[in-house]
């Protein structure tokens, strides 16, 4: 038995199933973006302290 590559295994899945896998991935990404925005609203980033600038003397 010959082993299939990842692409070959994906292509052997029926087209309708591949469509649902793609849609599920996009839905997962969209939900992740929305959830991360809500979490960022609840826990805002604290103000960053100005750091001392780095000065390089090239003389």
PDB file of N, CA and C in Angstrom:
ATOM      1  N   UNK A   1       0.842  -1.181   0.000  1.00  0.00           N
ATOM      2  CA  UNK A   1       0.000   0.000   0.000  1.00  0.00           C
ATOM      3  C   UNK A   1       0.884   1.241   0.000  1.00  0.00           C
ATOM      4  N   UNK A   2       0.581   2.138  -0.901  1.00  0.00           N
ATOM      5  CA  UNK A   2       1.378   3.353  -1.021  1.00  0.00           C
ATOM      6  C   UNK A   2       0.801   4.435  -0.115  1.00  0.00           C
ATOM      7  N   UNK A   3       1.693   5.124   0.594  1.00  0.00           N
ATOM      8  CA  UNK A   3       1.241   6.195   1.483  1.00  0.00           C
ATOM      9  C   UNK A   3       0.913   7.428   0.659  1.00  0.00           C
ATOM     10  N   UNK A   4      -0.158   8.110   1.050  1.00  0.00           N
ATOM     11  CA  UNK A   4      -0.560   9.335   0.362  1.00  0.00           C
ATOM     12  C   UNK A   4       0.082  10.530   1.041  1.00  0.00           C
ATOM     13  N   UNK A   5       0.316  11.553   0.254  1.00  0.00           N
ATOM     14  CA  UNK A   5       0.780  12.811   0.837  1.00  0.00           C
ATOM     15  C   UNK A   5      -0.414  13.497   1.505  1.00  0.00           C
ATOM     16  N   UNK A   6      -0.130  14.555   2.240  1.00  0.00           N
ATOM     17  CA  UNK A   6      -1.209  15.295   2.890  1.00  0.00           C
ATOM     18  C   UNK A   6      -2.169  15.844   1.844  1.00  0.00           C
ATOM     19  N   UNK A   7      -1.620  16.370   0.750  1.00  0.00           N
ATOM     20  CA  UNK A   7      -2.459  16.915  -0.317  1.00  0.00           C
ATOM     21  C   UNK A   7      -3.289  15.805  -0.966  1.00  0.00           C
ATOM     22  N   UNK A   8      -2.682  14.642  -1.179  1.00  0.00           N
ATOM     23  CA  UNK A   8      -3.410  13.517  -1.761  1.00  0.00           C
ATOM     24  C   UNK A   8      -4.540  13.047  -0.858  1.00  0.00           C
ATOM     25  N   UNK A   9      -4.277  13.019   0.440  1.00  0.00           N
ATOM     26  CA  UNK A   9      -5.322  12.634   1.392  1.00  0.00           C
ATOM     27  C   UNK A   9      -6.456  13.648   1.386  1.00  0.00           C
ATOM     28  N   UNK A  10      -6.105  14.933   1.310  1.00  0.00           N
ATOM     29  CA  UNK A  10      -7.124  15.985   1.283  1.00  0.00           C
ATOM     30  C   UNK A  10      -7.960  15.879   0.010  1.00  0.00           C
ATOM     31  N   UNK A  11      -7.295  15.635  -1.119  1.00  0.00           N
ATOM     32  CA  UNK A  11      -8.012  15.550  -2.391  1.00  0.00           C
ATOM     33  C   UNK A  11      -8.914  14.318  -2.465  1.00  0.00           C
ATOM     34  N   UNK A  12      -8.622  13.280  -1.668  1.00  0.00           N
ATOM     35  CA  UNK A  12      -9.450  12.077  -1.700  1.00  0.00           C
ATOM     36  C   UNK A  12     -10.739  12.239  -0.890  1.00  0.00           C
ATOM     37  N   UNK A  13     -10.829  13.296  -0.085  1.00  0.00           N
ATOM     38  CA  UNK A  13     -12.054  13.582   0.665  1.00  0.00           C
ATOM     39  C   UNK A  13     -13.093  14.109  -0.327  1.00  0.00           C
ATOM     40  N   UNK A  14     -14.351  13.749  -0.182  1.00  0.00           N
ATOM     41  CA  UNK A  14     -15.386  14.259  -1.093  1.00  0.00           C
ATOM     42  C   UNK A  14     -15.439  15.798  -1.083  1.00  0.00           C
ATOM     43  N   UNK A  15     -15.736  16.400  -2.243  1.00  0.00           N
ATOM     44  CA  UNK A  15     -15.740  17.866  -2.344  1.00  0.00           C
ATOM     45  C   UNK A  15     -16.637  18.558  -1.321  1.00  0.00           C
ATOM     46  N   UNK A  16     -17.788  17.958  -1.033  1.00  0.00           N
ATOM     47  CA  UNK A  16     -18.693  18.584  -0.062  1.00  0.00           C
ATOM     48  C   UNK A  16     -18.052  18.624   1.322  1.00  0.00           C
ATOM     49  N   UNK A  17     -17.361  17.565   1.702  1.00  0.00           N
ATOM     50  CA  UNK A  17     -16.681  17.530   3.002  1.00  0.00           C
ATOM     51  C   UNK A  17     -15.545  18.547   3.049  1.00  0.00           C
ATOM     52  N   UNK A  18     -14.812  18.672   1.923  1.00  0.00           N
ATOM     53  CA  UNK A  18     -13.739  19.681   1.874  1.00  0.00           C
ATOM     54  C   UNK A  18     -14.307  21.082   2.034  1.00  0.00           C
ATOM     55  N   UNK A  19     -15.481  21.317   1.441  1.00  0.00           N
ATOM     56  CA  UNK A  19     -16.119  22.626   1.574  1.00  0.00           C
ATOM     57  C   UNK A  19     -16.463  22.902   3.040  1.00  0.00           C
ATOM     58  N   UNK A  20     -17.019  21.895   3.727  1.00  0.00           N
ATOM     59  CA  UNK A  20     -17.369  22.077   5.137  1.00  0.00           C
ATOM     60  C   UNK A  20     -16.127  22.272   6.002  1.00  0.00           C
ATOM     61  N   UNK A  21     -15.046  21.595   5.675  1.00  0.00           N
ATOM     62  CA  UNK A  21     -13.795  21.786   6.419  1.00  0.00           C
ATOM     63  C   UNK A  21     -13.302  23.223   6.246  1.00  0.00           C
ATOM     64  N   UNK A  22     -13.354  23.732   5.020  1.00  0.00           N
ATOM     65  CA  UNK A  22     -12.936  25.112   4.763  1.00  0.00           C
ATOM     66  C   UNK A  22     -13.818  26.123   5.472  1.00  0.00           C
ATOM     67  N   UNK A  23     -15.128  25.912   5.412  1.00  0.00           N
ATOM     68  CA  UNK A  23     -16.054  26.828   6.087  1.00  0.00           C
ATOM     69  C   UNK A  23     -15.872  26.789   7.602  1.00  0.00           C
ATOM     70  N   UNK A  24     -15.621  25.599   8.140  1.00  0.00           N
ATOM     71  CA  UNK A  24     -15.392  25.484   9.585  1.00  0.00           C
ATOM     72  C   UNK A  24     -14.117  26.219   9.982  1.00  0.00           C
ATOM     73  N   UNK A  25     -13.090  26.132   9.159  1.00  0.00           N
ATOM     74  CA  UNK A  25     -11.848  26.860   9.444  1.00  0.00           C
ATOM     75  C   UNK A  25     -12.059  28.362   9.422  1.00  0.00           C
ATOM     76  N   UNK A  26     -12.812  28.850   8.437  1.00  0.00           N
ATOM     77  CA  UNK A  26     -13.083  30.287   8.365  1.00  0.00           C
ATOM     78  C   UNK A  26     -13.942  30.751   9.535  1.00  0.00           C
ATOM     79  N   UNK A  27     -14.928  29.945   9.933  1.00  0.00           N
ATOM     80  CA  UNK A  27     -15.774  30.299  11.076  1.00  0.00           C
ATOM     81  C   UNK A  27     -14.949  30.328  12.357  1.00  0.00           C
ATOM     82  N   UNK A  28     -14.058  29.359  12.516  1.00  0.00           N
ATOM     83  CA  UNK A  28     -13.190  29.309  13.693  1.00  0.00           C
ATOM     84  C   UNK A  28     -12.310  30.559  13.764  1.00  0.00           C
ATOM     85  N   UNK A  29     -11.758  30.978  12.620  1.00  0.00           N
ATOM     86  CA  UNK A  29     -10.913  32.172  12.587  1.00  0.00           C
ATOM     87  C   UNK A  29     -11.723  33.426  12.907  1.00  0.00           C
ATOM     88  N   UNK A  30     -12.925  33.546  12.342  1.00  0.00           N
ATOM     89  CA  UNK A  30     -13.764  34.723  12.589  1.00  0.00           C
ATOM     90  C   UNK A  30     -14.174  34.801  14.057  1.00  0.00           C
ATOM     91  N   UNK A  31     -14.548  33.669  14.638  1.00  0.00           N
ATOM     92  CA  UNK A  31     -14.924  33.658  16.054  1.00  0.00           C
ATOM     93  C   UNK A  31     -13.726  34.017  16.915  1.00  0.00           C
ATOM     94  N   UNK A  32     -12.547  33.536  16.554  1.00  0.00           N
ATOM     95  CA  UNK A  32     -11.335  33.870  17.299  1.00  0.00           C
ATOM     96  C   UNK A  32     -11.041  35.357  17.281  1.00  0.00           C
ATOM     97  N   UNK A  33     -11.240  36.000  16.138  1.00  0.00           N
ATOM     98  CA  UNK A  33     -11.018  37.444  16.039  1.00  0.00           C
ATOM     99  C   UNK A  33     -12.016  38.190  16.919  1.00  0.00           C
ATOM    100  N   UNK A  34     -13.292  37.795  16.864  1.00  0.00           N
ATOM    101  CA  UNK A  34     -14.313  38.472  17.664  1.00  0.00           C
ATOM    102  C   UNK A  34     -14.072  38.281  19.158  1.00  0.00           C
ATOM    103  N   UNK A  35     -13.723  37.074  19.562  1.00  0.00           N
ATOM    104  CA  UNK A  35     -13.480  36.797  20.979  1.00  0.00           C
ATOM    105  C   UNK A  35     -12.259  37.563  21.470  1.00  0.00           C
ATOM    106  N   UNK A  36     -11.209  37.619  20.657  1.00  0.00           N
ATOM    107  CA  UNK A  36     -10.014  38.347  21.093  1.00  0.00           C
ATOM    108  C   UNK A  36     -10.293  39.840  21.227  1.00  0.00           C
ATOM    109  N   UNK A  37     -11.158  40.387  20.368  1.00  0.00           N
ATOM    110  CA  UNK A  37     -11.529  41.796  20.508  1.00  0.00           C
ATOM    111  C   UNK A  37     -12.293  42.034  21.809  1.00  0.00           C
ATOM    112  N   UNK A  38     -13.208  41.137  22.151  1.00  0.00           N
ATOM    113  CA  UNK A  38     -13.966  41.280  23.402  1.00  0.00           C
ATOM    114  C   UNK A  38     -13.046  41.172  24.616  1.00  0.00           C
ATOM    115  N   UNK A  39     -12.106  40.247  24.585  1.00  0.00           N
ATOM    116  CA  UNK A  39     -11.169  40.088  25.701  1.00  0.00           C
ATOM    117  C   UNK A  39     -10.293  41.327  25.828  1.00  0.00           C
ATOM    118  N   UNK A  40      -9.885  41.896  24.689  1.00  0.00           N
ATOM    119  CA  UNK A  40      -9.057  43.100  24.732  1.00  0.00           C
ATOM    120  C   UNK A  40      -9.834  44.279  25.312  1.00  0.00           C
ATOM    121  N   UNK A  41     -11.144  44.351  25.056  1.00  0.00           N
ATOM    122  CA  UNK A  41     -11.959  45.415  25.648  1.00  0.00           C
ATOM    123  C   UNK A  41     -12.051  45.250  27.163  1.00  0.00           C
ATOM    124  N   UNK A  42     -12.146  44.017  27.634  1.00  0.00           N
ATOM    125  CA  UNK A  42     -12.265  43.763  29.069  1.00  0.00           C
ATOM    126  C   UNK A  42     -10.951  43.984  29.793  1.00  0.00           C
ATOM    127  N   UNK A  43      -9.854  43.645  29.163  1.00  0.00           N
ATOM    128  CA  UNK A  43      -8.528  43.764  29.774  1.00  0.00           C
ATOM    129  C   UNK A  43      -7.644  44.621  28.875  1.00  0.00           C
ATOM    130  N   UNK A  44      -7.810  45.952  28.941  1.00  0.00           N
ATOM    131  CA  UNK A  44      -7.031  46.812  28.045  1.00  0.00           C
ATOM    132  C   UNK A  44      -5.542  46.765  28.378  1.00  0.00           C
ATOM    133  N   UNK A  45      -4.753  47.091  27.382  1.00  0.00           N
ATOM    134  CA  UNK A  45      -3.305  47.120  27.553  1.00  0.00           C
ATOM    135  C   UNK A  45      -2.948  48.339  28.391  1.00  0.00           C
ATOM    136  N   UNK A  46      -2.099  48.134  29.391  1.00  0.00           N
ATOM    137  CA  UNK A  46      -1.675  49.255  30.226  1.00  0.00           C
ATOM    138  C   UNK A  46      -0.793  50.187  29.404  1.00  0.00           C
ATOM    139  N   UNK A  47      -0.758  51.449  29.815  1.00  0.00           N
ATOM    140  CA  UNK A  47       0.078  52.415  29.116  1.00  0.00           C
ATOM    141  C   UNK A  47       1.533  51.995  29.216  1.00  0.00           C
ATOM    142  N   UNK A  48       2.210  52.050  28.116  1.00  0.00           N
ATOM    143  CA  UNK A  48       3.609  51.659  28.105  1.00  0.00           C
ATOM    144  C   UNK A  48       4.467  52.829  28.564  1.00  0.00           C
ATOM    145  N   UNK A  49       5.484  52.514  29.319  1.00  0.00           N
ATOM    146  CA  UNK A  49       6.394  53.536  29.831  1.00  0.00           C
ATOM    147  C   UNK A  49       7.383  53.890  28.729  1.00  0.00           C
ATOM    148  N   UNK A  50       7.607  55.191  28.545  1.00  0.00           N
ATOM    149  CA  UNK A  50       8.587  55.635  27.561  1.00  0.00           C
ATOM    150  C   UNK A  50       9.950  55.110  27.958  1.00  0.00           C
ATOM    151  N   UNK A  51      10.604  54.471  27.050  1.00  0.00           N
ATOM    152  CA  UNK A  51      11.940  53.963  27.347  1.00  0.00           C
ATOM    153  C   UNK A  51      12.977  54.992  26.907  1.00  0.00           C
ATOM    154  N   UNK A  52      14.145  54.844  27.439  1.00  0.00           N
ATOM    155  CA  UNK A  52      15.242  55.744  27.092  1.00  0.00           C
ATOM    156  C   UNK A  52      15.662  55.423  25.663  1.00  0.00           C
ATOM    157  N   UNK A  53      15.775  56.450  24.809  1.00  0.00           N
ATOM    158  CA  UNK A  53      16.165  56.182  23.425  1.00  0.00           C
ATOM    159  C   UNK A  53      17.606  55.671  23.353  1.00  0.00           C
ATOM    160  N   UNK A  54      17.840  54.806  22.405  1.00  0.00           N
ATOM    161  CA  UNK A  54      19.187  54.272  22.198  1.00  0.00           C
ATOM    162  C   UNK A  54      19.924  55.217  21.265  1.00  0.00           C
ATOM    163  N   UNK A  55      21.066  55.708  21.723  1.00  0.00           N
ATOM    164  CA  UNK A  55      21.866  56.639  20.935  1.00  0.00           C
ATOM    165  C   UNK A  55      23.168  55.943  20.577  1.00  0.00           C
ATOM    166  N   UNK A  56      23.479  55.931  19.289  1.00  0.00           N
ATOM    167  CA  UNK A  56      24.727  55.326  18.827  1.00  0.00           C
ATOM    168  C   UNK A  56      25.633  56.452  18.357  1.00  0.00           C
ATOM    169  N   UNK A  57      26.779  56.573  18.999  1.00  0.00           N
ATOM    170  CA  UNK A  57      27.749  57.614  18.638  1.00  0.00           C
ATOM    171  C   UNK A  57      28.650  57.066  17.540  1.00  0.00           C
ATOM    172  N   UNK A  58      28.580  57.656  16.378  1.00  0.00           N
ATOM    173  CA  UNK A  58      29.356  57.167  15.234  1.00  0.00           C
ATOM    174  C   UNK A  58      30.565  58.042  14.939  1.00  0.00           C
ATOM    175  N   UNK A  59      31.137  58.649  15.965  1.00  0.00           N
ATOM    176  CA  UNK A  59      32.308  59.503  15.713  1.00  0.00           C
ATOM    177  C   UNK A  59      33.600  58.756  15.875  1.00  0.00           C
TER     178      UNK A  59
END
